């Protein structure tokens, strides 16, 4: 399924949350609109996203920093992970980008802060597990982004 919305389109109003989540886009537009709203309310978060940091958001796909015993931030030890298309949609909204996704494609992004690669997918079986992916990904499809 291909989903496209222009950043110039108004944020939808007056629809029930159930309608927004169960529409044919499966909630991708809603996630993107949440990102757009967060960009207005949290400039620091928006700036981190604009720098290419994959910050933790509402959906699986961001990189959460960890702290050592002294409270110092240390990068996570894994190099690859999976994320959901809803994360990617919210991230695009946060960055002020058009929503442009094809759910038949696996997208890959590298976090500028930690160098960790995240592959975004709609495969709920993979997302429901704490699967880390390697350079020879578990997902065998075309890549873009």
N, C-alpha and C. Protein backbone atom coordinates (compact mmCIF):
# COMPACT_ATOMS: atom_id res chain seq x y z
N UNK A 1 0.85 -1.17 0.00
CA UNK A 1 0.00 0.00 0.00
C UNK A 1 0.90 1.24 0.00
N UNK A 2 0.55 2.19 -0.83
CA UNK A 2 1.28 3.45 -0.87
C UNK A 2 0.44 4.52 -0.16
N UNK A 3 1.13 5.31 0.66
CA UNK A 3 0.47 6.37 1.40
C UNK A 3 1.23 7.67 1.14
N UNK A 4 0.50 8.69 0.71
CA UNK A 4 1.11 9.99 0.48
C UNK A 4 0.21 11.09 1.02
N UNK A 5 0.80 12.02 1.76
CA UNK A 5 0.12 13.24 2.20
C UNK A 5 1.15 14.36 2.16
N UNK A 6 0.74 15.50 1.65
CA UNK A 6 1.62 16.66 1.58
C UNK A 6 1.70 17.34 2.95
N UNK A 7 2.86 17.85 3.27
CA UNK A 7 3.05 18.60 4.51
C UNK A 7 2.17 19.84 4.51
N UNK A 8 1.71 20.27 3.35
CA UNK A 8 0.85 21.44 3.25
C UNK A 8 -0.63 21.12 3.50
N UNK A 9 -0.99 19.83 3.54
CA UNK A 9 -2.36 19.44 3.84
C UNK A 9 -2.67 19.75 5.29
N UNK A 10 -3.88 20.23 5.58
CA UNK A 10 -4.23 20.48 6.99
C UNK A 10 -4.33 19.17 7.77
N UNK A 11 -4.07 19.25 9.06
CA UNK A 11 -4.24 18.09 9.93
C UNK A 11 -5.74 17.82 10.06
N UNK A 12 -6.11 16.57 9.89
CA UNK A 12 -7.53 16.20 9.93
C UNK A 12 -8.12 16.42 11.32
N UNK A 13 -9.35 16.84 11.35
CA UNK A 13 -10.05 17.06 12.62
C UNK A 13 -11.45 16.48 12.52
N UNK A 14 -12.05 16.18 13.67
CA UNK A 14 -13.42 15.74 13.71
C UNK A 14 -13.64 14.25 13.50
N UNK A 15 -12.59 13.48 13.27
CA UNK A 15 -12.73 12.03 13.11
C UNK A 15 -12.46 11.35 14.45
N UNK A 16 -13.13 10.24 14.69
CA UNK A 16 -12.88 9.50 15.92
C UNK A 16 -11.51 8.82 15.84
N UNK A 17 -10.91 8.57 16.96
CA UNK A 17 -9.61 7.90 16.99
C UNK A 17 -9.72 6.52 16.33
N UNK A 18 -10.86 5.85 16.54
CA UNK A 18 -11.08 4.55 15.92
C UNK A 18 -11.08 4.67 14.40
N UNK A 19 -11.74 5.70 13.87
CA UNK A 19 -11.74 5.93 12.42
C UNK A 19 -10.33 6.22 11.91
N UNK A 20 -9.58 6.99 12.67
CA UNK A 20 -8.23 7.37 12.25
C UNK A 20 -7.30 6.16 12.22
N UNK A 21 -7.47 5.23 13.15
CA UNK A 21 -6.59 4.06 13.22
C UNK A 21 -7.00 2.95 12.28
N UNK A 22 -8.28 2.87 11.95
CA UNK A 22 -8.77 1.76 11.14
C UNK A 22 -9.01 2.13 9.68
N UNK A 23 -8.65 3.33 9.28
CA UNK A 23 -8.80 3.73 7.89
C UNK A 23 -7.86 2.88 7.03
N UNK A 24 -7.98 2.97 5.73
CA UNK A 24 -7.19 2.11 4.84
C UNK A 24 -5.68 2.30 5.00
N UNK A 25 -5.25 3.44 5.53
CA UNK A 25 -3.81 3.68 5.73
C UNK A 25 -3.31 3.04 7.03
N UNK A 26 -4.19 2.40 7.79
CA UNK A 26 -3.84 1.67 9.03
C UNK A 26 -3.18 2.55 10.09
N UNK A 27 -3.54 3.82 10.12
CA UNK A 27 -3.03 4.72 11.15
C UNK A 27 -1.74 5.44 10.80
N UNK A 28 -1.22 5.22 9.59
CA UNK A 28 0.03 5.89 9.21
C UNK A 28 -0.14 7.40 9.13
N UNK A 29 -1.28 7.85 8.59
CA UNK A 29 -1.51 9.29 8.49
C UNK A 29 -1.65 9.89 9.88
N UNK A 30 -2.34 9.19 10.78
CA UNK A 30 -2.48 9.68 12.16
C UNK A 30 -1.10 9.80 12.82
N UNK A 31 -0.25 8.79 12.66
CA UNK A 31 1.10 8.85 13.26
C UNK A 31 1.87 10.05 12.71
N UNK A 32 1.76 10.28 11.41
CA UNK A 32 2.43 11.42 10.77
C UNK A 32 1.90 12.74 11.33
N UNK A 33 0.57 12.83 11.50
CA UNK A 33 -0.03 14.05 12.05
C UNK A 33 0.40 14.27 13.50
N UNK A 34 0.55 13.21 14.27
CA UNK A 34 1.07 13.33 15.64
C UNK A 34 2.48 13.91 15.60
N UNK A 35 3.30 13.44 14.68
CA UNK A 35 4.65 13.98 14.53
C UNK A 35 4.63 15.45 14.17
N UNK A 36 3.72 15.85 13.29
CA UNK A 36 3.60 17.27 12.91
C UNK A 36 3.24 18.12 14.13
N UNK A 37 2.30 17.62 14.95
CA UNK A 37 1.90 18.37 16.16
C UNK A 37 3.06 18.44 17.15
N UNK A 38 3.78 17.33 17.30
CA UNK A 38 4.93 17.32 18.22
C UNK A 38 6.01 18.29 17.78
N UNK A 39 6.16 18.48 16.48
CA UNK A 39 7.16 19.42 15.96
C UNK A 39 6.86 20.84 16.40
N UNK A 40 5.58 21.15 16.52
CA UNK A 40 5.19 22.49 16.96
C UNK A 40 5.36 22.67 18.47
N UNK A 41 5.17 21.59 19.22
CA UNK A 41 5.19 21.66 20.69
C UNK A 41 6.54 21.36 21.31
N UNK A 42 7.45 20.74 20.56
CA UNK A 42 8.72 20.33 21.14
C UNK A 42 9.84 20.58 20.12
N UNK A 43 10.34 21.80 20.12
CA UNK A 43 11.36 22.22 19.15
C UNK A 43 12.64 21.39 19.31
N UNK A 44 13.01 21.06 20.55
CA UNK A 44 14.24 20.27 20.77
C UNK A 44 14.11 18.89 20.11
N UNK A 45 12.96 18.25 20.27
CA UNK A 45 12.73 16.94 19.66
C UNK A 45 12.79 17.05 18.14
N UNK A 46 12.17 18.09 17.61
CA UNK A 46 12.19 18.33 16.15
C UNK A 46 13.62 18.52 15.67
N UNK A 47 14.41 19.30 16.39
CA UNK A 47 15.80 19.54 15.99
C UNK A 47 16.63 18.27 16.02
N UNK A 48 16.40 17.42 17.01
CA UNK A 48 17.10 16.13 17.07
C UNK A 48 16.76 15.30 15.84
N UNK A 49 15.48 15.27 15.48
CA UNK A 49 15.06 14.52 14.29
C UNK A 49 15.68 15.11 13.03
N UNK A 50 15.72 16.42 12.94
CA UNK A 50 16.32 17.07 11.77
C UNK A 50 17.81 16.77 11.65
N UNK A 51 18.47 16.48 12.77
CA UNK A 51 19.89 16.11 12.75
C UNK A 51 20.09 14.64 12.39
N UNK A 52 18.98 13.90 12.24
CA UNK A 52 19.08 12.49 11.88
C UNK A 52 19.10 11.54 13.05
N UNK A 53 18.87 12.06 14.26
CA UNK A 53 18.79 11.18 15.43
C UNK A 53 17.46 10.44 15.40
N UNK A 54 17.50 9.15 15.63
CA UNK A 54 16.28 8.34 15.70
C UNK A 54 15.84 8.30 17.17
N UNK A 55 15.22 9.38 17.60
CA UNK A 55 14.83 9.53 19.00
C UNK A 55 13.64 8.62 19.32
N UNK A 56 13.52 8.20 20.57
CA UNK A 56 12.36 7.40 20.96
C UNK A 56 11.07 8.20 20.76
N UNK A 57 10.10 7.58 20.12
CA UNK A 57 8.78 8.16 19.91
C UNK A 57 7.73 7.16 20.40
N UNK A 58 6.49 7.35 20.00
CA UNK A 58 5.41 6.49 20.48
C UNK A 58 5.49 5.07 19.93
N UNK A 59 6.13 4.88 18.79
CA UNK A 59 6.17 3.58 18.14
C UNK A 59 7.58 3.02 18.14
N UNK A 60 7.70 1.72 17.98
CA UNK A 60 8.99 1.05 17.96
C UNK A 60 9.80 1.51 16.75
N UNK A 61 11.05 1.91 16.99
CA UNK A 61 11.90 2.32 15.89
C UNK A 61 12.95 3.35 16.24
N UNK A 62 12.86 3.92 17.43
CA UNK A 62 13.87 4.88 17.86
C UNK A 62 14.94 4.20 18.69
N UNK A 63 16.00 4.93 18.97
CA UNK A 63 17.12 4.42 19.75
C UNK A 63 17.12 5.11 21.11
N UNK A 64 16.93 4.33 22.15
CA UNK A 64 16.92 4.88 23.50
C UNK A 64 18.32 4.78 24.10
N UNK A 65 18.91 5.91 24.48
CA UNK A 65 20.24 5.86 25.09
C UNK A 65 20.16 5.17 26.46
N UNK A 66 21.25 4.58 26.85
CA UNK A 66 21.32 3.93 28.17
C UNK A 66 22.40 4.62 28.99
N UNK A 67 22.35 4.40 30.29
CA UNK A 67 23.34 5.01 31.19
C UNK A 67 24.15 3.94 31.89
N UNK A 68 25.43 4.26 32.12
CA UNK A 68 26.25 3.33 32.89
C UNK A 68 25.98 3.54 34.38
N UNK A 69 26.71 2.83 35.22
CA UNK A 69 26.46 2.89 36.67
C UNK A 69 26.70 4.27 37.26
N UNK A 70 27.48 5.11 36.56
CA UNK A 70 27.75 6.47 37.03
C UNK A 70 26.79 7.50 36.46
N UNK A 71 25.83 7.03 35.65
CA UNK A 71 24.86 7.94 35.07
C UNK A 71 25.28 8.57 33.76
N UNK A 72 26.44 8.15 33.23
CA UNK A 72 26.91 8.67 31.95
C UNK A 72 26.22 7.93 30.80
N UNK A 73 25.86 8.67 29.78
CA UNK A 73 25.21 8.06 28.63
C UNK A 73 26.21 7.20 27.85
N UNK A 74 25.79 5.99 27.51
CA UNK A 74 26.60 5.11 26.67
C UNK A 74 25.71 4.61 25.53
N UNK A 75 26.30 4.41 24.36
CA UNK A 75 25.49 3.92 23.24
C UNK A 75 25.06 2.48 23.47
N UNK A 76 23.91 2.10 22.95
CA UNK A 76 23.49 0.70 23.04
C UNK A 76 24.52 -0.20 22.36
N UNK A 77 24.58 -1.47 22.78
CA UNK A 77 25.58 -2.39 22.26
C UNK A 77 25.20 -3.04 20.93
N UNK A 78 23.92 -2.98 20.57
CA UNK A 78 23.50 -3.57 19.29
C UNK A 78 23.76 -2.59 18.16
N UNK A 79 23.83 -3.09 16.94
CA UNK A 79 24.10 -2.24 15.77
C UNK A 79 22.91 -2.14 14.83
N UNK A 80 21.95 -3.05 14.97
CA UNK A 80 20.81 -3.11 14.07
C UNK A 80 19.55 -3.40 14.86
N UNK A 81 18.40 -2.88 14.42
CA UNK A 81 17.13 -3.21 15.04
C UNK A 81 15.99 -2.99 14.06
N UNK A 82 14.81 -3.44 14.44
CA UNK A 82 13.61 -3.26 13.62
C UNK A 82 12.74 -2.16 14.18
N UNK A 83 12.01 -1.50 13.30
CA UNK A 83 11.07 -0.47 13.71
C UNK A 83 9.81 -0.55 12.86
N UNK A 84 8.77 0.12 13.31
CA UNK A 84 7.49 0.07 12.62
C UNK A 84 7.33 1.24 11.66
N UNK A 85 6.51 1.04 10.64
CA UNK A 85 6.21 2.11 9.70
C UNK A 85 5.55 3.29 10.42
N UNK A 86 4.83 3.02 11.50
CA UNK A 86 4.19 4.13 12.22
C UNK A 86 5.25 5.04 12.85
N UNK A 87 6.35 4.45 13.32
CA UNK A 87 7.46 5.27 13.81
C UNK A 87 7.97 6.16 12.68
N UNK A 88 8.21 5.55 11.53
CA UNK A 88 8.77 6.29 10.40
C UNK A 88 7.82 7.40 9.96
N UNK A 89 6.51 7.13 9.98
CA UNK A 89 5.53 8.16 9.62
C UNK A 89 5.57 9.31 10.63
N UNK A 90 5.60 8.99 11.92
CA UNK A 90 5.66 10.04 12.95
C UNK A 90 6.95 10.84 12.81
N UNK A 91 8.04 10.16 12.53
CA UNK A 91 9.34 10.80 12.35
C UNK A 91 9.32 11.77 11.16
N UNK A 92 8.69 11.36 10.07
CA UNK A 92 8.57 12.24 8.90
C UNK A 92 7.78 13.49 9.24
N UNK A 93 6.70 13.33 9.99
CA UNK A 93 5.91 14.48 10.42
C UNK A 93 6.70 15.40 11.32
N UNK A 94 7.45 14.82 12.24
CA UNK A 94 8.28 15.60 13.16
C UNK A 94 9.32 16.42 12.41
N UNK A 95 9.84 15.87 11.33
CA UNK A 95 10.85 16.56 10.52
C UNK A 95 10.24 17.54 9.52
N UNK A 96 8.89 17.61 9.44
CA UNK A 96 8.24 18.52 8.51
C UNK A 96 8.26 18.03 7.08
N UNK A 97 8.31 16.72 6.90
CA UNK A 97 8.37 16.13 5.57
C UNK A 97 6.99 15.63 5.14
N UNK A 98 6.81 15.51 3.83
CA UNK A 98 5.62 14.85 3.30
C UNK A 98 5.62 13.40 3.79
N UNK A 99 4.43 12.85 3.98
CA UNK A 99 4.31 11.42 4.26
C UNK A 99 4.32 10.71 2.92
N UNK A 100 5.33 9.88 2.72
CA UNK A 100 5.47 9.16 1.45
C UNK A 100 6.05 7.79 1.76
N UNK A 101 5.16 6.80 1.94
CA UNK A 101 5.59 5.45 2.29
C UNK A 101 4.92 4.44 1.38
N UNK A 102 5.63 3.37 1.11
CA UNK A 102 5.10 2.21 0.41
C UNK A 102 5.33 1.03 1.34
N UNK A 103 4.26 0.44 1.85
CA UNK A 103 4.40 -0.62 2.86
C UNK A 103 4.90 -1.94 2.28
N UNK A 104 5.11 -1.99 0.98
CA UNK A 104 5.69 -3.19 0.37
C UNK A 104 7.21 -3.13 0.35
N UNK A 105 7.75 -2.01 0.80
CA UNK A 105 9.20 -1.79 0.79
C UNK A 105 9.70 -1.70 2.23
N UNK A 106 10.88 -2.20 2.47
CA UNK A 106 11.53 -2.05 3.77
C UNK A 106 12.43 -0.83 3.68
N UNK A 107 12.27 0.10 4.60
CA UNK A 107 13.09 1.31 4.64
C UNK A 107 14.17 1.12 5.70
N UNK A 108 15.32 1.70 5.47
CA UNK A 108 16.45 1.59 6.39
C UNK A 108 16.97 2.99 6.67
N UNK A 109 17.18 3.29 7.96
CA UNK A 109 17.78 4.57 8.36
C UNK A 109 18.90 4.27 9.34
N UNK A 110 19.89 5.15 9.37
CA UNK A 110 20.99 5.04 10.31
C UNK A 110 20.92 6.23 11.26
N UNK A 111 20.91 5.95 12.54
CA UNK A 111 20.84 6.99 13.56
C UNK A 111 22.15 7.78 13.56
N UNK A 112 22.05 9.09 13.37
CA UNK A 112 23.26 9.92 13.33
C UNK A 112 23.95 9.99 14.69
N UNK A 113 23.23 9.77 15.75
CA UNK A 113 23.80 9.88 17.10
C UNK A 113 24.56 8.62 17.50
N UNK A 114 24.02 7.44 17.16
CA UNK A 114 24.62 6.19 17.63
C UNK A 114 25.13 5.28 16.51
N UNK A 115 24.84 5.61 15.25
CA UNK A 115 25.29 4.78 14.14
C UNK A 115 24.56 3.46 14.03
N UNK A 116 23.43 3.33 14.67
CA UNK A 116 22.66 2.09 14.64
C UNK A 116 21.70 2.13 13.46
N UNK A 117 21.63 1.03 12.72
CA UNK A 117 20.75 0.91 11.57
C UNK A 117 19.40 0.35 12.02
N UNK A 118 18.33 1.00 11.57
CA UNK A 118 16.98 0.52 11.87
C UNK A 118 16.28 0.24 10.55
N UNK A 119 15.69 -0.95 10.45
CA UNK A 119 14.87 -1.31 9.31
C UNK A 119 13.42 -1.20 9.72
N UNK A 120 12.63 -0.53 8.89
CA UNK A 120 11.21 -0.30 9.19
C UNK A 120 10.36 -1.24 8.36
N UNK A 121 9.40 -1.88 9.02
CA UNK A 121 8.58 -2.89 8.39
C UNK A 121 7.16 -2.84 8.95
N UNK A 122 6.25 -3.48 8.25
CA UNK A 122 4.88 -3.62 8.77
C UNK A 122 4.64 -5.03 9.26
N UNK A 123 5.66 -5.88 9.27
CA UNK A 123 5.51 -7.27 9.69
C UNK A 123 5.38 -7.33 11.22
N UNK A 124 4.14 -7.50 11.68
CA UNK A 124 3.88 -7.50 13.12
C UNK A 124 4.53 -8.69 13.82
N UNK A 125 4.72 -9.80 13.13
CA UNK A 125 5.39 -10.95 13.75
C UNK A 125 6.82 -10.61 14.12
N UNK A 126 7.50 -9.88 13.24
CA UNK A 126 8.87 -9.46 13.55
C UNK A 126 8.89 -8.37 14.61
N UNK A 127 7.96 -7.43 14.52
CA UNK A 127 7.93 -6.30 15.45
C UNK A 127 7.56 -6.71 16.86
N UNK A 128 6.80 -7.79 17.00
CA UNK A 128 6.36 -8.22 18.32
C UNK A 128 7.48 -8.88 19.12
N UNK A 129 8.56 -9.23 18.45
CA UNK A 129 9.70 -9.84 19.12
C UNK A 129 10.80 -8.79 19.24
N UNK A 130 11.72 -9.02 20.12
CA UNK A 130 12.85 -8.11 20.23
C UNK A 130 13.95 -8.59 19.30
N UNK A 131 13.67 -8.48 18.00
CA UNK A 131 14.58 -8.97 16.98
C UNK A 131 15.57 -7.87 16.62
N UNK A 132 16.84 -8.21 16.65
CA UNK A 132 17.87 -7.30 16.15
C UNK A 132 18.30 -7.85 14.80
N UNK A 133 18.46 -7.00 13.82
CA UNK A 133 18.81 -7.46 12.48
C UNK A 133 20.27 -7.19 12.20
N UNK A 134 20.87 -8.01 11.38
CA UNK A 134 22.27 -7.86 11.05
C UNK A 134 22.47 -7.32 9.66
N UNK A 135 23.72 -7.28 9.23
CA UNK A 135 24.01 -6.74 7.91
C UNK A 135 23.36 -7.58 6.82
N UNK A 136 23.16 -8.86 7.07
CA UNK A 136 22.37 -9.70 6.19
C UNK A 136 21.00 -9.79 6.85
N UNK A 137 20.15 -8.87 6.53
CA UNK A 137 18.88 -8.69 7.20
C UNK A 137 18.00 -9.92 7.16
N UNK A 138 17.13 -10.05 8.16
CA UNK A 138 16.11 -11.08 8.18
C UNK A 138 15.07 -10.79 7.11
N UNK A 139 14.99 -9.56 6.69
CA UNK A 139 14.00 -9.12 5.72
C UNK A 139 14.68 -9.04 4.37
N UNK A 140 14.16 -9.73 3.40
CA UNK A 140 14.80 -9.79 2.09
C UNK A 140 13.93 -9.09 1.05
N UNK A 141 14.02 -7.75 0.96
CA UNK A 141 13.27 -6.99 -0.03
C UNK A 141 14.09 -5.79 -0.46
N UNK A 142 13.57 -5.03 -1.40
CA UNK A 142 14.23 -3.80 -1.84
C UNK A 142 14.30 -2.81 -0.70
N UNK A 143 15.33 -1.97 -0.72
CA UNK A 143 15.50 -0.97 0.33
C UNK A 143 15.52 0.42 -0.31
N UNK A 144 14.96 1.39 0.42
CA UNK A 144 14.98 2.80 0.01
C UNK A 144 15.15 3.65 1.24
N UNK A 145 15.51 4.88 1.05
CA UNK A 145 15.59 5.95 2.07
C UNK A 145 16.98 6.24 2.51
